N, C-alpha and C. Protein backbone atom coordinates (compact mmCIF):
# COMPACT_ATOMS: atom_id res chain seq x y z
N MET A 1 0.79 -1.33 0.03
CA MET A 1 -0.10 0.13 -0.02
C MET A 1 0.95 1.19 -0.08
N LYS A 2 0.34 2.26 -0.50
CA LYS A 2 1.11 3.59 -0.86
C LYS A 2 0.15 4.67 -0.03
N LYS A 3 0.72 5.34 1.13
CA LYS A 3 0.12 6.38 1.73
C LYS A 3 0.11 7.42 0.90
N VAL A 4 -1.07 8.23 0.74
CA VAL A 4 -1.01 9.07 -0.27
C VAL A 4 -1.61 10.43 0.47
N TYR A 5 -2.12 10.33 1.75
CA TYR A 5 -2.71 11.31 2.28
C TYR A 5 -2.62 10.97 4.07
N VAL A 6 -2.23 12.33 4.74
CA VAL A 6 -2.28 12.33 6.24
C VAL A 6 -3.28 13.21 6.59
N GLY A 7 -4.44 12.92 7.00
CA GLY A 7 -5.40 13.77 7.70
C GLY A 7 -5.45 14.06 8.83
N LYS A 8 -6.32 14.97 9.47
CA LYS A 8 -6.72 15.47 10.80
C LYS A 8 -7.08 13.79 11.50
N THR A 9 -7.84 13.34 10.91
CA THR A 9 -8.73 12.06 11.67
C THR A 9 -8.35 10.68 11.01
N LYS A 10 -7.80 10.73 9.77
CA LYS A 10 -7.64 9.45 9.19
C LYS A 10 -6.45 9.73 8.09
N ASN A 11 -5.77 8.49 7.97
CA ASN A 11 -4.78 8.31 6.63
C ASN A 11 -5.52 7.70 5.48
N VAL A 12 -5.11 7.97 4.52
CA VAL A 12 -5.46 7.50 3.21
C VAL A 12 -4.36 6.38 2.60
N TYR A 13 -4.71 5.52 2.19
CA TYR A 13 -3.67 4.42 1.16
C TYR A 13 -4.12 4.23 -0.05
N GLU A 14 -3.42 4.02 -1.06
CA GLU A 14 -3.69 3.56 -2.18
C GLU A 14 -3.73 1.92 -2.36
N LEU A 15 -4.62 1.32 -2.91
CA LEU A 15 -4.68 -0.23 -2.90
C LEU A 15 -3.99 -0.47 -4.37
N ASP A 16 -3.68 -1.71 -4.35
CA ASP A 16 -3.40 -2.27 -5.70
C ASP A 16 -4.51 -2.57 -6.58
N ASN A 17 -5.82 -2.65 -5.93
CA ASN A 17 -6.95 -2.95 -7.02
C ASN A 17 -7.58 -1.57 -7.69
N GLY A 18 -6.97 -0.36 -7.10
CA GLY A 18 -7.39 0.95 -7.53
C GLY A 18 -8.47 1.60 -6.70
N ASN A 19 -8.69 0.90 -5.46
CA ASN A 19 -9.59 1.40 -4.48
C ASN A 19 -8.66 2.23 -3.47
N TYR A 20 -9.23 2.72 -2.42
CA TYR A 20 -8.48 3.28 -1.36
C TYR A 20 -8.77 2.57 -0.21
N MET A 21 -7.81 2.80 0.96
CA MET A 21 -8.02 2.23 2.48
C MET A 21 -7.68 3.50 3.13
N LEU A 22 -9.03 3.67 3.83
CA LEU A 22 -9.17 4.61 5.00
C LEU A 22 -8.42 4.07 6.52
N GLU A 23 -7.54 4.57 6.91
CA GLU A 23 -7.11 4.12 8.20
C GLU A 23 -7.73 5.32 9.53
N PHE A 24 -8.60 4.78 10.25
CA PHE A 24 -9.35 5.82 11.34
C PHE A 24 -8.23 6.12 12.70
N LYS A 25 -8.00 7.21 12.87
CA LYS A 25 -7.10 7.52 13.92
C LYS A 25 -8.07 7.94 15.30
N ASP A 26 -7.40 8.12 16.41
CA ASP A 26 -8.10 8.48 17.59
C ASP A 26 -8.07 10.15 17.73
N ASP A 27 -7.91 10.79 16.83
CA ASP A 27 -7.84 12.13 16.93
C ASP A 27 -9.21 12.58 16.43
N VAL A 28 -9.70 13.91 17.16
CA VAL A 28 -10.88 14.39 16.97
C VAL A 28 -10.79 15.82 16.70
N THR A 29 -11.38 16.55 16.09
CA THR A 29 -11.60 17.98 15.68
C THR A 29 -11.99 18.73 17.08
N GLY A 30 -11.37 19.87 17.41
CA GLY A 30 -11.83 20.84 18.49
C GLY A 30 -10.99 21.89 18.66
N GLU A 31 -10.99 22.67 19.92
CA GLU A 31 -10.04 23.66 20.24
C GLU A 31 -9.97 23.59 21.81
N ASN A 32 -8.61 23.86 22.28
CA ASN A 32 -8.42 23.93 23.49
C ASN A 32 -8.82 22.75 24.41
N GLY A 33 -8.75 21.32 23.68
CA GLY A 33 -9.31 20.17 24.24
C GLY A 33 -10.71 20.01 24.42
N VAL A 34 -11.37 20.57 23.86
CA VAL A 34 -12.82 20.57 23.58
C VAL A 34 -13.25 20.05 22.29
N PHE A 35 -13.88 19.05 22.12
CA PHE A 35 -14.61 18.51 20.92
C PHE A 35 -15.46 19.46 20.23
N ASP A 36 -15.22 19.95 18.96
CA ASP A 36 -16.24 20.52 18.11
C ASP A 36 -16.08 20.10 16.64
N PRO A 37 -17.46 19.29 16.32
CA PRO A 37 -17.14 18.65 14.87
C PRO A 37 -17.13 19.80 13.95
N GLY A 38 -17.20 21.23 14.09
CA GLY A 38 -17.02 22.14 13.09
C GLY A 38 -15.72 22.93 13.04
N ALA A 39 -14.79 22.47 14.05
CA ALA A 39 -13.56 22.97 14.10
C ALA A 39 -12.52 22.56 12.84
N ASN A 40 -11.63 23.07 12.59
CA ASN A 40 -10.69 22.76 11.59
C ASN A 40 -9.49 22.42 11.97
N THR A 41 -9.01 22.15 13.11
CA THR A 41 -7.91 21.71 13.93
C THR A 41 -8.11 20.61 14.77
N VAL A 42 -7.37 19.51 15.00
CA VAL A 42 -7.26 18.52 15.99
C VAL A 42 -7.44 19.01 17.23
N GLY A 43 -8.26 18.84 18.34
CA GLY A 43 -8.31 19.36 19.46
C GLY A 43 -7.93 18.62 20.38
N LEU A 44 -8.12 17.07 20.30
CA LEU A 44 -7.97 16.25 21.26
C LEU A 44 -7.84 14.77 20.76
N SER A 45 -7.21 13.83 21.29
CA SER A 45 -7.31 12.41 20.92
C SER A 45 -8.15 11.52 22.20
N ILE A 46 -8.88 10.68 21.59
CA ILE A 46 -9.58 9.89 22.34
C ILE A 46 -9.35 8.33 22.31
N GLU A 47 -8.92 7.76 23.10
CA GLU A 47 -8.43 6.30 22.82
C GLU A 47 -9.65 5.39 22.41
N GLY A 48 -9.36 4.77 21.28
CA GLY A 48 -10.59 4.19 20.89
C GLY A 48 -11.40 4.74 19.88
N ILE A 49 -11.49 5.99 19.86
CA ILE A 49 -12.56 6.75 19.07
C ILE A 49 -12.47 6.43 17.53
N GLY A 50 -11.32 5.97 17.10
CA GLY A 50 -11.03 5.77 15.66
C GLY A 50 -11.95 4.28 15.37
N LYS A 51 -11.77 3.39 15.96
CA LYS A 51 -12.48 2.39 15.84
C LYS A 51 -13.83 2.25 15.89
N SER A 52 -14.31 3.24 17.16
CA SER A 52 -15.68 3.48 17.23
C SER A 52 -16.14 4.03 15.86
N ASN A 53 -15.76 5.19 15.51
CA ASN A 53 -16.08 5.85 14.30
C ASN A 53 -16.22 5.15 13.20
N LEU A 54 -15.29 4.14 13.01
CA LEU A 54 -15.26 3.13 11.91
C LEU A 54 -16.76 2.35 12.02
N LYS A 55 -16.72 1.57 13.17
CA LYS A 55 -17.78 0.86 13.46
C LYS A 55 -19.23 1.59 13.10
N MET A 56 -19.38 3.00 13.70
CA MET A 56 -20.57 3.70 13.39
C MET A 56 -20.53 3.87 11.74
N SER A 57 -19.48 4.30 11.26
CA SER A 57 -19.71 4.47 9.69
C SER A 57 -20.39 3.32 8.74
N VAL A 58 -19.66 2.22 9.14
CA VAL A 58 -20.05 1.08 8.78
C VAL A 58 -21.74 0.86 8.89
N HIS A 59 -22.06 0.98 10.20
CA HIS A 59 -23.51 0.99 10.50
C HIS A 59 -24.40 1.84 9.66
N PHE A 60 -23.87 3.01 9.43
CA PHE A 60 -24.87 4.03 8.63
C PHE A 60 -24.58 3.67 7.12
N PHE A 61 -23.56 3.44 6.60
CA PHE A 61 -23.36 3.13 5.25
C PHE A 61 -24.09 1.85 4.84
N GLU A 62 -24.34 1.03 5.64
CA GLU A 62 -25.03 -0.12 5.42
C GLU A 62 -26.27 0.19 5.20
N ILE A 63 -26.99 1.06 6.18
CA ILE A 63 -28.22 1.70 6.28
C ILE A 63 -28.74 2.39 4.93
N LEU A 64 -27.61 3.24 4.39
CA LEU A 64 -27.84 3.97 3.16
C LEU A 64 -27.84 3.06 1.98
N LYS A 65 -27.02 1.94 2.00
CA LYS A 65 -26.91 0.98 0.93
C LYS A 65 -28.33 0.44 0.77
N ALA A 66 -28.89 -0.14 1.84
CA ALA A 66 -30.27 -0.58 1.94
C ALA A 66 -31.40 0.38 1.52
N ALA A 67 -31.17 1.80 1.45
CA ALA A 67 -32.02 2.57 1.00
C ALA A 67 -31.79 3.25 -0.37
N GLY A 68 -30.68 2.63 -0.94
CA GLY A 68 -30.40 2.81 -2.27
C GLY A 68 -29.70 4.18 -2.63
N ILE A 69 -28.91 4.56 -1.57
CA ILE A 69 -28.14 5.85 -1.44
C ILE A 69 -26.61 5.56 -1.63
N LYS A 70 -26.29 5.78 -2.75
CA LYS A 70 -24.86 5.52 -3.16
C LYS A 70 -23.85 6.32 -2.48
N THR A 71 -22.68 5.51 -1.59
CA THR A 71 -21.42 6.12 -1.12
C THR A 71 -20.22 5.24 -1.74
N HIS A 72 -19.05 5.74 -1.00
CA HIS A 72 -17.67 5.27 -1.58
C HIS A 72 -17.47 3.97 -0.76
N TYR A 73 -18.34 3.42 0.18
CA TYR A 73 -17.96 2.28 0.95
C TYR A 73 -18.25 1.09 0.19
N VAL A 74 -16.92 0.29 0.45
CA VAL A 74 -16.87 -1.22 -0.11
C VAL A 74 -16.86 -2.17 1.02
N SER A 75 -15.94 -2.04 1.77
CA SER A 75 -15.82 -2.95 3.07
C SER A 75 -15.14 -2.49 4.34
N ALA A 76 -14.89 -3.28 5.40
CA ALA A 76 -14.22 -2.71 6.43
C ALA A 76 -13.66 -3.80 7.27
N ASP A 77 -12.54 -3.38 8.00
CA ASP A 77 -11.90 -4.34 8.72
C ASP A 77 -12.00 -3.58 10.18
N LEU A 78 -12.90 -3.81 11.23
CA LEU A 78 -13.12 -3.34 12.44
C LEU A 78 -11.91 -3.58 13.59
N GLU A 79 -11.28 -4.80 13.34
CA GLU A 79 -10.14 -4.89 14.21
C GLU A 79 -8.94 -3.97 13.94
N LYS A 80 -8.52 -3.92 12.18
CA LYS A 80 -7.63 -3.06 12.24
C LYS A 80 -7.90 -1.71 11.98
N GLY A 81 -9.23 -1.16 12.14
CA GLY A 81 -9.42 0.09 12.03
C GLY A 81 -9.38 0.65 10.86
N THR A 82 -9.69 -0.12 9.71
CA THR A 82 -9.52 0.18 8.12
C THR A 82 -10.97 0.28 7.50
N MET A 83 -11.17 0.97 6.25
CA MET A 83 -12.41 0.94 5.43
C MET A 83 -11.68 0.89 4.01
N GLU A 84 -12.13 -0.01 3.06
CA GLU A 84 -11.97 0.15 1.84
C GLU A 84 -13.04 1.00 1.43
N VAL A 85 -12.60 1.81 0.28
CA VAL A 85 -13.23 2.78 -0.26
C VAL A 85 -13.11 2.84 -1.94
N LEU A 86 -14.12 3.28 -2.57
CA LEU A 86 -14.25 3.39 -4.19
C LEU A 86 -13.36 4.93 -4.24
N PRO A 87 -12.73 4.86 -5.47
CA PRO A 87 -11.91 6.02 -5.62
C PRO A 87 -13.02 7.22 -6.23
N ALA A 88 -12.81 8.44 -5.74
CA ALA A 88 -13.59 9.57 -5.86
C ALA A 88 -13.12 10.79 -5.86
N LYS A 89 -13.21 11.49 -7.01
CA LYS A 89 -12.65 13.12 -6.87
C LYS A 89 -13.37 14.06 -5.92
N VAL A 90 -12.61 14.82 -5.26
CA VAL A 90 -13.33 15.73 -4.53
C VAL A 90 -13.83 16.89 -5.14
N PHE A 91 -14.57 18.02 -4.76
CA PHE A 91 -14.98 19.10 -5.53
C PHE A 91 -14.01 20.19 -4.95
N GLY A 92 -13.37 20.78 -5.99
CA GLY A 92 -12.35 21.72 -5.86
C GLY A 92 -11.12 21.10 -5.14
N GLN A 93 -10.59 21.65 -3.98
CA GLN A 93 -9.57 21.25 -3.28
C GLN A 93 -10.28 20.66 -1.73
N GLY A 94 -11.47 20.51 -1.78
CA GLY A 94 -12.23 19.77 -0.73
C GLY A 94 -13.21 20.68 -0.46
N LEU A 95 -14.35 19.89 -0.04
CA LEU A 95 -15.62 20.93 0.37
C LEU A 95 -16.49 20.23 1.29
N GLU A 96 -16.62 20.85 2.27
CA GLU A 96 -17.69 20.37 3.54
C GLU A 96 -19.06 20.89 3.38
N VAL A 97 -20.12 19.74 3.61
CA VAL A 97 -21.37 20.23 3.55
C VAL A 97 -22.06 19.67 5.06
N ILE A 98 -22.51 20.86 5.43
CA ILE A 98 -23.29 20.94 6.89
C ILE A 98 -24.87 20.81 6.69
N CYS A 99 -25.29 19.80 7.47
CA CYS A 99 -26.81 20.15 7.61
C CYS A 99 -27.10 20.34 9.08
N ARG A 100 -27.82 21.32 9.16
CA ARG A 100 -28.15 21.76 10.48
C ARG A 100 -29.79 21.71 10.87
N LEU A 101 -30.03 20.87 11.86
CA LEU A 101 -31.37 20.78 12.20
C LEU A 101 -31.68 21.75 13.26
N LYS A 102 -30.68 22.00 14.10
CA LYS A 102 -30.60 23.03 15.23
C LYS A 102 -29.64 24.18 15.17
N ALA A 103 -30.10 25.18 15.42
CA ALA A 103 -28.95 26.65 15.35
C ALA A 103 -28.01 26.37 16.76
N THR A 104 -26.81 26.30 16.34
CA THR A 104 -25.83 26.12 17.42
C THR A 104 -24.31 26.35 16.84
N GLY A 105 -23.30 26.41 17.69
CA GLY A 105 -22.00 26.40 17.09
C GLY A 105 -21.59 27.58 16.35
N SER A 106 -21.23 27.38 15.30
CA SER A 106 -20.74 28.49 14.43
C SER A 106 -21.91 29.32 13.59
N PHE A 107 -23.05 28.63 13.70
CA PHE A 107 -24.32 29.06 13.07
C PHE A 107 -24.67 30.37 13.93
N VAL A 108 -24.69 30.08 15.29
CA VAL A 108 -25.18 31.09 16.28
C VAL A 108 -24.13 32.32 16.31
N ARG A 109 -22.79 31.72 16.09
CA ARG A 109 -21.93 32.83 16.41
C ARG A 109 -21.81 33.97 15.09
N ARG A 110 -22.46 33.38 13.99
CA ARG A 110 -22.32 34.10 12.99
C ARG A 110 -23.96 34.81 12.86
N TYR A 111 -24.84 34.34 13.32
CA TYR A 111 -26.31 34.68 13.17
C TYR A 111 -27.02 35.14 14.52
N GLY A 112 -26.12 34.95 15.53
CA GLY A 112 -27.03 35.00 16.97
C GLY A 112 -27.85 36.52 17.07
N ASP A 113 -27.76 37.42 16.23
CA ASP A 113 -28.63 38.48 16.36
C ASP A 113 -30.00 38.22 15.92
N TYR A 114 -30.07 36.96 15.14
CA TYR A 114 -31.36 36.78 14.52
C TYR A 114 -32.16 35.59 14.78
N ILE A 115 -31.27 34.62 15.71
CA ILE A 115 -31.70 33.27 16.29
C ILE A 115 -30.96 32.97 17.31
N GLU A 116 -31.77 32.29 18.35
CA GLU A 116 -31.19 31.62 19.59
C GLU A 116 -30.68 30.05 19.32
N ASP A 117 -29.59 30.02 20.39
CA ASP A 117 -28.97 28.78 20.20
C ASP A 117 -29.99 27.68 20.61
N GLY A 118 -30.20 26.72 19.77
CA GLY A 118 -30.94 25.54 19.92
C GLY A 118 -32.33 25.73 19.35
N ALA A 119 -32.65 26.74 18.32
CA ALA A 119 -33.77 26.91 17.77
C ALA A 119 -33.78 25.87 16.60
N ASP A 120 -34.94 25.66 16.33
CA ASP A 120 -35.08 24.34 15.06
C ASP A 120 -34.83 25.34 13.78
N LEU A 121 -34.10 24.41 12.92
CA LEU A 121 -33.88 24.75 11.52
C LEU A 121 -34.49 23.71 10.58
N PRO A 122 -34.99 23.96 9.34
CA PRO A 122 -35.36 23.24 8.55
C PRO A 122 -34.52 22.34 7.57
N ALA A 123 -33.51 21.53 8.30
CA ALA A 123 -32.54 21.08 7.46
C ALA A 123 -31.67 21.92 6.58
N TYR A 124 -31.31 22.92 7.24
CA TYR A 124 -30.40 24.02 6.76
C TYR A 124 -29.32 23.40 6.06
N VAL A 125 -28.86 23.62 4.74
CA VAL A 125 -27.35 23.16 4.35
C VAL A 125 -26.68 24.32 3.83
N GLU A 126 -25.45 24.32 4.35
CA GLU A 126 -24.37 25.39 3.94
C GLU A 126 -23.09 24.50 3.58
N THR A 127 -22.32 25.11 2.85
CA THR A 127 -21.03 24.60 2.41
C THR A 127 -19.84 25.41 2.87
N THR A 128 -18.90 24.95 3.00
CA THR A 128 -17.71 25.50 3.33
C THR A 128 -16.30 24.82 2.75
N PHE A 129 -15.53 25.60 2.27
CA PHE A 129 -14.09 25.04 1.58
C PHE A 129 -13.30 24.42 2.60
N LYS A 130 -12.55 23.39 2.56
CA LYS A 130 -11.68 22.83 3.43
C LYS A 130 -10.35 23.69 3.32
N ASN A 131 -10.35 24.50 4.36
CA ASN A 131 -9.17 25.40 4.09
C ASN A 131 -8.74 25.71 5.81
N ASP A 132 -7.75 25.13 6.36
CA ASP A 132 -7.54 25.35 7.56
C ASP A 132 -7.07 26.93 7.78
N ALA A 133 -6.33 27.34 7.02
CA ALA A 133 -5.63 28.62 7.01
C ALA A 133 -6.64 29.77 7.01
N LYS A 134 -7.78 29.43 6.35
CA LYS A 134 -8.62 30.63 6.28
C LYS A 134 -9.89 30.38 6.97
N GLY A 135 -9.71 29.28 7.97
CA GLY A 135 -11.05 29.02 8.76
C GLY A 135 -12.21 28.30 8.09
N ASP A 136 -12.04 27.44 7.00
CA ASP A 136 -13.10 26.77 6.27
C ASP A 136 -14.13 27.94 5.83
N PRO A 137 -13.96 28.84 4.79
CA PRO A 137 -14.79 29.94 4.52
C PRO A 137 -16.06 29.50 4.03
N LEU A 138 -16.97 29.97 4.29
CA LEU A 138 -18.22 29.58 3.75
C LEU A 138 -18.48 30.05 2.12
N VAL A 139 -19.37 29.38 1.09
CA VAL A 139 -19.33 29.52 -0.01
C VAL A 139 -20.81 29.08 -0.53
N THR A 140 -21.19 29.97 -1.22
CA THR A 140 -22.74 29.95 -1.52
C THR A 140 -22.67 29.32 -2.98
N GLU A 141 -23.99 28.62 -3.25
CA GLU A 141 -24.31 27.80 -4.50
C GLU A 141 -23.76 28.53 -5.61
N ASP A 142 -24.01 29.81 -5.75
CA ASP A 142 -23.36 30.64 -7.02
C ASP A 142 -21.94 30.73 -7.00
N GLY A 143 -21.65 31.01 -5.78
CA GLY A 143 -19.89 30.87 -5.40
C GLY A 143 -19.19 29.85 -6.13
N LEU A 144 -19.99 28.53 -5.80
CA LEU A 144 -19.16 27.31 -6.36
C LEU A 144 -19.37 27.45 -7.76
N VAL A 145 -20.40 27.62 -8.42
CA VAL A 145 -20.62 27.68 -9.70
C VAL A 145 -19.70 28.64 -10.43
N VAL A 146 -19.53 29.80 -9.92
CA VAL A 146 -18.70 31.02 -10.64
C VAL A 146 -17.42 30.45 -10.61
N LEU A 147 -16.84 29.73 -9.57
CA LEU A 147 -15.61 29.62 -9.27
C LEU A 147 -14.93 28.20 -10.09
N GLY A 148 -16.22 27.52 -10.56
CA GLY A 148 -15.80 26.21 -11.37
C GLY A 148 -15.65 25.16 -10.49
N VAL A 149 -16.19 24.99 -9.23
CA VAL A 149 -16.21 23.94 -8.40
C VAL A 149 -17.41 22.97 -8.62
N MET A 150 -18.16 23.45 -9.00
CA MET A 150 -19.35 22.27 -9.35
C MET A 150 -20.48 23.15 -10.30
N THR A 151 -21.62 22.44 -10.93
CA THR A 151 -22.49 23.01 -11.54
C THR A 151 -23.74 23.11 -10.48
N HIS A 152 -24.88 23.96 -10.96
CA HIS A 152 -26.14 24.21 -10.28
C HIS A 152 -26.80 22.71 -9.98
N GLU A 153 -26.72 21.70 -11.07
CA GLU A 153 -27.30 20.64 -11.06
C GLU A 153 -26.55 19.67 -10.23
N GLN A 154 -25.30 19.93 -9.88
CA GLN A 154 -24.39 19.04 -8.76
C GLN A 154 -24.73 19.45 -7.53
N TYR A 155 -24.77 20.85 -7.36
CA TYR A 155 -25.00 21.42 -6.03
C TYR A 155 -26.65 20.84 -5.56
N ALA A 156 -27.51 21.06 -6.61
CA ALA A 156 -28.75 20.47 -6.24
C ALA A 156 -29.01 18.83 -5.90
N ALA A 157 -28.11 18.18 -6.28
CA ALA A 157 -28.02 16.74 -5.92
C ALA A 157 -27.43 16.66 -4.64
N ILE A 158 -26.33 17.45 -4.32
CA ILE A 158 -25.68 17.25 -3.10
C ILE A 158 -26.76 17.72 -1.91
N ARG A 159 -27.36 18.86 -2.17
CA ARG A 159 -28.45 19.43 -1.34
C ARG A 159 -29.35 18.23 -0.97
N GLU A 160 -29.87 17.78 -1.98
CA GLU A 160 -30.83 16.81 -1.86
C GLU A 160 -30.49 15.52 -1.15
N MET A 161 -29.24 14.97 -1.45
CA MET A 161 -28.66 14.01 -0.75
C MET A 161 -28.30 14.24 0.60
N THR A 162 -27.63 15.55 1.02
CA THR A 162 -27.45 15.94 2.32
C THR A 162 -28.59 15.82 3.22
N GLN A 163 -29.80 16.34 2.81
CA GLN A 163 -30.97 16.40 3.55
C GLN A 163 -31.37 15.01 3.94
N LYS A 164 -31.43 14.16 2.90
CA LYS A 164 -31.96 12.73 3.11
C LYS A 164 -31.17 11.94 3.78
N ILE A 165 -30.02 12.04 3.60
CA ILE A 165 -28.87 11.32 4.57
C ILE A 165 -28.87 11.63 5.92
N ALA A 166 -28.97 13.16 6.09
CA ALA A 166 -29.24 13.81 7.52
C ALA A 166 -30.55 13.05 8.05
N GLY A 167 -31.73 13.14 7.23
CA GLY A 167 -32.69 12.49 7.86
C GLY A 167 -32.65 11.12 8.35
N VAL A 168 -31.97 10.19 7.47
CA VAL A 168 -31.85 9.01 7.97
C VAL A 168 -31.03 8.64 9.16
N VAL A 169 -29.89 9.39 9.40
CA VAL A 169 -29.01 9.46 10.44
C VAL A 169 -29.84 9.95 11.70
N ALA A 170 -30.62 10.79 11.55
CA ALA A 170 -31.34 11.36 12.56
C ALA A 170 -32.47 10.57 13.11
N ASP A 171 -33.19 9.65 12.07
CA ASP A 171 -34.32 8.78 12.46
C ASP A 171 -33.49 7.63 13.26
N GLU A 172 -32.28 7.26 12.92
CA GLU A 172 -31.67 6.21 13.38
C GLU A 172 -31.30 6.51 14.86
N LEU A 173 -30.79 7.78 14.93
CA LEU A 173 -30.45 8.32 16.30
C LEU A 173 -31.65 8.43 17.33
N ALA A 174 -32.75 8.80 16.77
CA ALA A 174 -33.90 8.84 17.55
C ALA A 174 -34.46 7.68 18.01
N ARG A 175 -34.31 6.51 17.27
CA ARG A 175 -34.60 5.22 17.85
C ARG A 175 -33.92 4.98 19.02
N HIS A 176 -32.75 5.38 19.24
CA HIS A 176 -31.93 5.16 20.51
C HIS A 176 -32.14 6.40 21.41
N GLY A 177 -32.95 7.17 21.18
CA GLY A 177 -33.05 8.22 22.18
C GLY A 177 -32.20 9.39 22.38
N MET A 178 -31.63 9.58 21.03
CA MET A 178 -30.82 10.69 20.47
C MET A 178 -31.53 11.71 19.87
N GLU A 179 -30.87 13.01 19.71
CA GLU A 179 -31.34 14.10 18.80
C GLU A 179 -30.11 14.82 17.84
N LEU A 180 -30.31 14.43 16.77
CA LEU A 180 -29.11 14.91 15.93
C LEU A 180 -29.43 16.52 15.77
N TRP A 181 -28.24 17.20 16.13
CA TRP A 181 -28.37 18.69 15.98
C TRP A 181 -27.85 19.33 14.53
N ASP A 182 -26.50 18.74 14.34
CA ASP A 182 -26.19 19.05 13.05
C ASP A 182 -25.20 17.99 12.57
N ILE A 183 -24.72 18.00 11.25
CA ILE A 183 -23.81 16.88 10.76
C ILE A 183 -23.16 17.29 9.59
N LYS A 184 -21.86 16.77 9.53
CA LYS A 184 -20.97 17.29 8.42
C LYS A 184 -20.61 16.01 7.37
N PHE A 185 -20.83 16.47 6.09
CA PHE A 185 -20.68 15.53 5.24
C PHE A 185 -19.65 15.91 4.01
N GLU A 186 -18.99 14.96 3.51
CA GLU A 186 -18.27 15.39 2.14
C GLU A 186 -18.80 14.50 1.00
N PHE A 187 -18.70 14.87 -0.11
CA PHE A 187 -19.09 14.49 -1.26
C PHE A 187 -18.09 14.51 -2.46
N GLY A 188 -18.21 13.54 -3.38
CA GLY A 188 -17.18 13.27 -4.28
C GLY A 188 -18.02 13.06 -5.43
N TYR A 189 -17.23 12.94 -6.79
CA TYR A 189 -18.04 12.51 -7.84
C TYR A 189 -17.27 11.29 -8.44
N SER A 190 -18.12 10.25 -8.90
CA SER A 190 -17.20 8.80 -9.49
C SER A 190 -17.87 8.94 -10.98
N GLY A 191 -17.19 9.41 -11.98
CA GLY A 191 -17.61 9.56 -13.23
C GLY A 191 -18.65 10.92 -13.20
N ASP A 192 -19.86 10.78 -13.78
CA ASP A 192 -20.85 11.96 -13.61
C ASP A 192 -21.60 11.83 -12.24
N GLU A 193 -21.48 10.79 -11.60
CA GLU A 193 -22.35 10.64 -10.20
C GLU A 193 -21.93 11.19 -9.12
N VAL A 194 -22.54 11.88 -8.47
CA VAL A 194 -22.11 12.38 -7.09
C VAL A 194 -22.29 11.23 -6.18
N ILE A 195 -21.30 11.12 -5.09
CA ILE A 195 -21.65 10.05 -4.21
C ILE A 195 -21.00 10.69 -2.70
N LEU A 196 -21.51 9.90 -1.60
CA LEU A 196 -21.01 10.47 -0.40
C LEU A 196 -19.78 9.70 -0.02
N ILE A 197 -19.16 10.69 0.47
CA ILE A 197 -17.86 10.07 0.92
C ILE A 197 -17.14 10.06 2.36
N ASP A 198 -15.99 9.91 2.72
CA ASP A 198 -15.54 10.23 4.16
C ASP A 198 -16.24 9.28 5.05
N GLU A 199 -16.63 9.91 6.00
CA GLU A 199 -17.26 9.06 7.06
C GLU A 199 -18.78 9.51 7.64
N ILE A 200 -19.25 8.74 8.44
CA ILE A 200 -20.58 9.32 9.19
C ILE A 200 -20.29 8.77 10.51
N ALA A 201 -19.65 9.66 11.52
CA ALA A 201 -19.31 9.11 12.63
C ALA A 201 -19.43 10.31 13.73
N SER A 202 -19.11 10.03 15.09
CA SER A 202 -19.41 10.87 16.00
C SER A 202 -18.63 12.12 16.03
N GLY A 203 -17.68 12.22 15.17
CA GLY A 203 -16.38 13.57 15.05
C GLY A 203 -17.09 14.51 13.92
N ASN A 204 -18.06 14.11 13.14
CA ASN A 204 -18.92 14.85 12.25
C ASN A 204 -20.06 15.31 12.38
N MET A 205 -20.56 14.94 13.96
CA MET A 205 -22.07 15.43 14.21
C MET A 205 -22.17 15.87 15.63
N ARG A 206 -23.02 16.59 16.05
CA ARG A 206 -23.44 17.03 17.00
C ARG A 206 -24.79 16.53 17.64
N VAL A 207 -24.79 15.64 18.56
CA VAL A 207 -26.00 15.00 19.13
C VAL A 207 -26.38 15.14 20.54
N TYR A 208 -27.58 15.37 20.84
CA TYR A 208 -27.86 15.46 22.26
C TYR A 208 -28.73 14.36 22.74
N LYS A 209 -28.70 14.09 24.00
CA LYS A 209 -29.69 13.07 24.83
C LYS A 209 -30.14 13.81 26.15
N ASP A 210 -31.50 13.61 26.56
CA ASP A 210 -31.74 13.88 27.56
C ASP A 210 -31.32 15.45 27.87
N GLY A 211 -31.20 16.34 26.77
CA GLY A 211 -30.86 17.78 27.11
C GLY A 211 -29.49 18.06 27.27
N SER A 212 -28.59 17.17 26.91
CA SER A 212 -27.26 17.15 27.15
C SER A 212 -26.56 16.66 25.79
N ILE A 213 -25.21 17.38 25.65
CA ILE A 213 -24.62 16.92 24.43
C ILE A 213 -24.00 15.57 24.75
N VAL A 214 -24.06 14.79 23.56
CA VAL A 214 -23.49 13.40 23.84
C VAL A 214 -21.88 13.50 23.66
N ASP A 215 -21.13 13.03 24.50
CA ASP A 215 -19.51 12.78 24.25
C ASP A 215 -19.29 11.99 22.98
N PRO A 216 -18.33 12.14 22.28
CA PRO A 216 -18.15 11.32 20.98
C PRO A 216 -17.94 9.97 21.33
N MET A 217 -17.27 9.66 22.38
CA MET A 217 -16.98 8.30 22.80
C MET A 217 -18.24 7.39 23.36
N ASP A 218 -19.17 8.26 23.95
CA ASP A 218 -20.60 7.80 24.12
C ASP A 218 -21.44 7.25 23.19
N LEU A 219 -21.53 8.39 21.95
CA LEU A 219 -22.32 7.89 20.94
C LEU A 219 -22.57 6.49 20.67
N GLY A 220 -21.32 5.88 20.43
CA GLY A 220 -21.29 4.61 19.86
C GLY A 220 -22.14 3.65 21.06
N LYS A 221 -21.63 4.03 22.24
CA LYS A 221 -22.17 3.04 23.46
C LYS A 221 -23.99 3.33 23.23
N PHE A 222 -24.44 4.23 22.89
CA PHE A 222 -25.88 4.62 23.07
C PHE A 222 -26.41 3.87 21.71
N LEU A 223 -25.38 3.80 20.76
CA LEU A 223 -26.26 3.57 19.29
C LEU A 223 -26.11 2.04 19.37
N PHE A 224 -25.22 1.54 20.23
CA PHE A 224 -25.10 0.04 19.83
C PHE A 224 -25.41 -0.89 21.11
N VAL A 225 -26.48 -0.49 21.82
CA VAL A 225 -26.73 -1.08 23.02
C VAL A 225 -27.69 -2.36 22.64
């Protein structure tokens, strides 16, 4: 295997069959030792969170597969903490897509003059460029098109998939007494088809249970009881 990318929470290797392997690490994003799925820096390490996130990702990818939603997931080795995925090109130099069901975090920091923390949102979708140095700047649909990152049609597909996948995740969490507040996705394209890439795990979502935010390490415990 050839290592092709070292990320904040995962390493990426190229396989001989043309696919890629993701190696999940025990690092999560945050600031000053506090977990924050919207942060663009590694804030802390939690022992075992890598394999927990892999198990969670496989769980949700299998649910999406059954629902007919295409992703890059092929297979996983839970013991080794690795997942084999299909090759896919990212949009631009990397794009994050956030679906917000509740106002919180950076959304309230930006728009707190107009909305209170915890207020309901109608599966609000926003996109940010992956750029640590610039703080992952927000970009609009028109901006993405003008900059040549994607077409209006591709954006529409991503927006629809984002809301649909967030709904699937929210429903599954609700079955276990949890409430999804927001979640971050990444998409790529294989040929002309837009597919979900990266992971669906605790490090990418903000979840509440009984009025309190769920610690990333505890999310798997609640989900797999």
